[in-house]
Amino acid sequence: MEILSVSLTNFKSHSDRQFSFQPGTNAICGENGAGKTSILEAIAWVCLTTRATIA
């Protein structure tokens, strides 16, 4: 799986943010309390959350 961008709206400390990533290794850097972990939590939530399908 390759994640090229993330858009966060009203997610924890991010009211409206967009992040772009390049293929390969990327670093998320910032001051303490800037929301670095929130970015990773948002990605994990999308990748690991499954939705029930009602047929």
C-alpha atoms as a PDB file:
ATOM      1  CA  MET A   1       0.000   0.000   0.000  1.00  0.00           C
ATOM      2  CA  GLU A   2       1.249   3.482  -0.798  1.00  0.00           C
ATOM      3  CA  ILE A   3      -0.229   6.576   0.846  1.00  0.00           C
ATOM      4  CA  LEU A   4       0.395   9.688  -1.225  1.00  0.00           C
ATOM      5  CA  SER A   5      -1.766  12.185   0.665  1.00  0.00           C
ATOM      6  CA  VAL A   6      -3.835  12.623   3.805  1.00  0.00           C
ATOM      7  CA  SER A   7      -6.575  15.200   4.395  1.00  0.00           C
ATOM      8  CA  LEU A   8      -7.759  15.829   7.950  1.00  0.00           C
ATOM      9  CA  THR A   9     -10.859  17.840   8.831  1.00  0.00           C
ATOM     10  CA  ASN A  10     -11.751  18.333  12.505  1.00  0.00           C
ATOM     11  CA  PHE A  11      -9.539  15.444  13.609  1.00  0.00           C
ATOM     12  CA  LYS A  12      -7.979  16.085  17.026  1.00  0.00           C
ATOM     13  CA  SER A  13      -5.741  19.189  16.708  1.00  0.00           C
ATOM     14  CA  HIS A  14      -6.134  19.428  12.906  1.00  0.00           C
ATOM     15  CA  SER A  15      -9.087  21.559  11.820  1.00  0.00           C
ATOM     16  CA  ASP A  16      -8.355  21.484   8.074  1.00  0.00           C
ATOM     17  CA  ARG A  17      -4.973  20.115   6.948  1.00  0.00           C
ATOM     18  CA  GLN A  18      -3.588  18.361   3.891  1.00  0.00           C
ATOM     19  CA  PHE A  19      -0.348  16.379   3.816  1.00  0.00           C
ATOM     20  CA  SER A  20       1.416  15.083   0.704  1.00  0.00           C
ATOM     21  CA  PHE A  21       3.900  12.225   0.765  1.00  0.00           C
ATOM     22  CA  GLN A  22       6.437  11.042  -1.792  1.00  0.00           C
ATOM     23  CA  PRO A  23       7.005   7.400  -2.737  1.00  0.00           C
ATOM     24  CA  GLY A  24       9.553   5.832  -0.408  1.00  0.00           C
ATOM     25  CA  THR A  25      10.361   6.919   3.130  1.00  0.00           C
ATOM     26  CA  ASN A  26       8.857  10.110   4.578  1.00  0.00           C
ATOM     27  CA  ALA A  27       9.397  11.832   7.925  1.00  0.00           C
ATOM     28  CA  ILE A  28       6.772  13.637   9.996  1.00  0.00           C
ATOM     29  CA  CYS A  29       8.582  16.284  12.054  1.00  0.00           C
ATOM     30  CA  GLY A  30       7.379  19.056  14.339  1.00  0.00           C
ATOM     31  CA  GLU A  31       7.325  20.562  17.798  1.00  0.00           C
ATOM     32  CA  ASN A  32       5.844  18.730  20.779  1.00  0.00           C
ATOM     33  CA  GLY A  33       2.061  18.963  20.655  1.00  0.00           C
ATOM     34  CA  ALA A  34       2.014  19.803  16.938  1.00  0.00           C
ATOM     35  CA  GLY A  35      -0.117  16.753  16.048  1.00  0.00           C
ATOM     36  CA  LYS A  36       2.438  14.346  14.559  1.00  0.00           C
ATOM     37  CA  THR A  37       0.944  11.355  16.345  1.00  0.00           C
ATOM     38  CA  SER A  38      -2.553  12.436  15.278  1.00  0.00           C
ATOM     39  CA  ILE A  39      -1.509  12.114  11.626  1.00  0.00           C
ATOM     40  CA  LEU A  40      -0.350   8.545  12.241  1.00  0.00           C
ATOM     41  CA  GLU A  41      -3.499   7.745  14.248  1.00  0.00           C
ATOM     42  CA  ALA A  42      -5.680   8.993  11.378  1.00  0.00           C
ATOM     43  CA  ILE A  43      -3.821   6.811   8.884  1.00  0.00           C
ATOM     44  CA  ALA A  44      -4.068   3.800  11.213  1.00  0.00           C
ATOM     45  CA  TRP A  45      -7.784   4.404  11.799  1.00  0.00           C
ATOM     46  CA  VAL A  46      -8.512   4.425   8.056  1.00  0.00           C
ATOM     47  CA  CYS A  47      -6.324   1.386   7.334  1.00  0.00           C
ATOM     48  CA  LEU A  48      -7.403  -0.750  10.287  1.00  0.00           C
ATOM     49  CA  THR A  49     -11.106   0.082  10.620  1.00  0.00           C
ATOM     50  CA  THR A  50     -13.495  -2.216   8.797  1.00  0.00           C
ATOM     51  CA  ARG A  51     -17.073  -1.402   7.961  1.00  0.00           C
ATOM     52  CA  ALA A  52     -19.857  -3.920   8.158  1.00  0.00           C
ATOM     53  CA  THR A  53     -21.583  -4.537   4.855  1.00  0.00           C
ATOM     54  CA  ILE A  54     -25.342  -4.992   4.902  1.00  0.00           C
ATOM     55  CA  ALA A  55     -26.583  -6.835   1.837  1.00  0.00           C
END
